[in-house]
Protein backbone atom coordinates (compact mmCIF):
# COMPACT_ATOMS: atom_id res chain seq x y z
CA UNK A 1 14.29 -22.73 4.80
CA UNK A 2 11.78 -20.77 6.89
CA UNK A 3 8.97 -18.70 5.47
CA UNK A 4 9.74 -14.98 6.05
CA UNK A 5 6.02 -14.25 6.26
CA UNK A 6 5.43 -16.72 9.10
CA UNK A 7 3.41 -15.71 12.13
CA UNK A 8 5.30 -13.19 14.28
CA UNK A 9 2.54 -12.00 16.60
CA UNK A 10 3.26 -12.36 20.30
CA UNK A 11 -0.37 -12.08 21.44
CA UNK A 12 -3.65 -13.39 20.01
CA UNK A 13 -5.53 -11.37 17.43
CA UNK A 14 -9.27 -10.70 17.73
CA UNK A 15 -11.35 -9.98 14.63
CA UNK A 16 -13.37 -6.93 15.55
CA UNK A 17 -14.77 -3.96 13.66
CA UNK A 18 -14.75 -0.92 15.88
CA UNK A 19 -14.35 2.78 15.06
CA UNK A 20 -10.94 4.30 15.73
CA UNK A 21 -9.86 7.94 15.87
CA UNK A 22 -6.32 8.58 14.64
CA UNK A 23 -4.10 11.61 15.22
CA UNK A 24 -0.71 11.78 13.52
CA UNK A 25 2.31 13.63 14.88
CA UNK A 26 1.60 16.67 12.69
CA UNK A 27 -1.89 17.01 14.23
CA UNK A 28 -3.87 15.57 11.32
CA UNK A 29 -7.00 13.78 12.58
CA UNK A 30 -8.89 11.07 10.76
CA UNK A 31 -11.15 8.16 11.50
CA UNK A 32 -10.97 4.52 10.62
CA UNK A 33 -12.40 1.08 11.27
CA UNK A 34 -10.44 -1.81 12.75
CA UNK A 35 -10.32 -5.24 11.11
CA UNK A 36 -8.51 -6.99 13.94
CA UNK A 37 -6.44 -6.13 16.96
CA UNK A 38 -4.38 -7.52 19.80
CA UNK A 39 -2.67 -6.06 22.86
CA UNK A 40 0.30 -5.03 20.75
CA UNK A 41 -1.00 -4.43 17.22
CA UNK A 42 -3.94 -3.35 15.12
CA UNK A 43 -4.98 -3.55 11.47
CA UNK A 44 -7.43 -0.88 10.38
CA UNK A 45 -8.87 0.81 7.31
CA UNK A 46 -8.68 4.56 6.77
CA UNK A 47 -9.82 6.93 4.02
CA UNK A 48 -6.29 8.21 3.52
CA UNK A 49 -2.83 6.68 3.51
CA UNK A 50 -0.43 7.15 6.41
CA UNK A 51 3.24 6.58 5.60
CA UNK A 52 5.08 3.59 7.05
CA UNK A 53 7.01 4.63 10.17
CA UNK A 54 4.56 7.39 11.10
CA UNK A 55 3.94 7.74 14.84
CA UNK A 56 0.30 8.17 15.80
CA UNK A 57 -2.17 8.27 18.64
CA UNK A 58 -5.29 6.11 18.42
CA UNK A 59 -8.44 6.11 20.55
CA UNK A 60 -10.70 3.07 20.36
CA UNK A 61 -12.73 0.59 22.39
CA UNK A 62 -10.99 -2.69 23.23
CA UNK A 63 -13.39 -5.65 23.10
CA UNK A 64 -14.02 -7.79 26.17
CA UNK A 65 -11.92 -10.60 24.62
CA UNK A 66 -8.81 -8.49 25.24
CA UNK A 67 -9.77 -6.97 28.60
CA UNK A 68 -10.84 -9.89 30.78
CA UNK A 69 -14.56 -9.46 30.19
CA UNK A 70 -15.26 -5.72 29.96
CA UNK A 71 -15.03 -3.30 27.02
CA UNK A 72 -12.63 -0.41 27.69
CA UNK A 73 -11.76 2.85 25.98
CA UNK A 74 -8.02 3.12 25.37
CA UNK A 75 -5.56 5.62 23.97
CA UNK A 76 -2.64 4.00 22.14
CA UNK A 77 0.70 5.31 20.99
CA UNK A 78 1.54 3.35 17.84
CA UNK A 79 3.53 3.38 14.63
CA UNK A 80 2.58 2.28 11.12
CA UNK A 81 4.47 -0.86 10.10
CA UNK A 82 2.68 -1.76 6.84
CA UNK A 83 0.51 -0.03 4.25
CA UNK A 84 -1.75 -2.21 2.11
CA UNK A 85 -3.59 -1.15 -1.02
CA UNK A 86 -7.28 -0.84 -0.35
CA UNK A 87 -10.44 -1.18 -2.35
CA UNK A 88 -10.24 2.31 -3.87
CA UNK A 89 -12.23 3.81 -1.02
CA UNK A 90 -9.90 2.98 1.88
CA UNK A 91 -6.33 1.99 2.68
CA UNK A 92 -5.34 -0.91 4.96
CA UNK A 93 -2.86 0.00 7.69
CA UNK A 94 -1.05 -2.21 10.20
CA UNK A 95 0.28 -0.53 13.33
CA UNK A 96 2.44 -1.75 16.17
CA UNK A 97 1.18 -0.52 19.55
CA UNK A 98 4.01 0.89 21.65
CA UNK A 99 1.92 1.98 24.65
CA UNK A 100 -1.72 1.59 25.65
CA UNK A 101 -3.45 3.57 28.39
CA UNK A 102 -6.95 2.79 29.64
CA UNK A 103 -9.06 5.95 29.65
CA UNK A 104 -11.13 6.80 32.74
CA UNK A 105 -14.84 6.11 32.65
CA UNK A 106 -16.98 9.21 32.17
CA UNK A 107 -19.98 9.21 34.53
CA UNK A 108 -23.30 9.71 32.78
């Protein structure tokens, strides 16, 4: 009998804490902090719960471990796949990334 909670990720996960800006389909904006991420998923903490199945847009910096050596700003279309009870201050959220677009560099 196989364990139903066995590893299902198709790409490696990187433990990284980076700020993330989240916008849900109804226009609600909030911020969060990632725990880990990969090219097709992210786990992050937020101050408020987002219902499982919710579509959202996320803007964050991908670490060099996922971009062949250079940090990049990205905008992701994602959906919440799991909600995890937090520590009373934040809620843990797992999201599956459906699409990821690299944002253009802004000249200084």
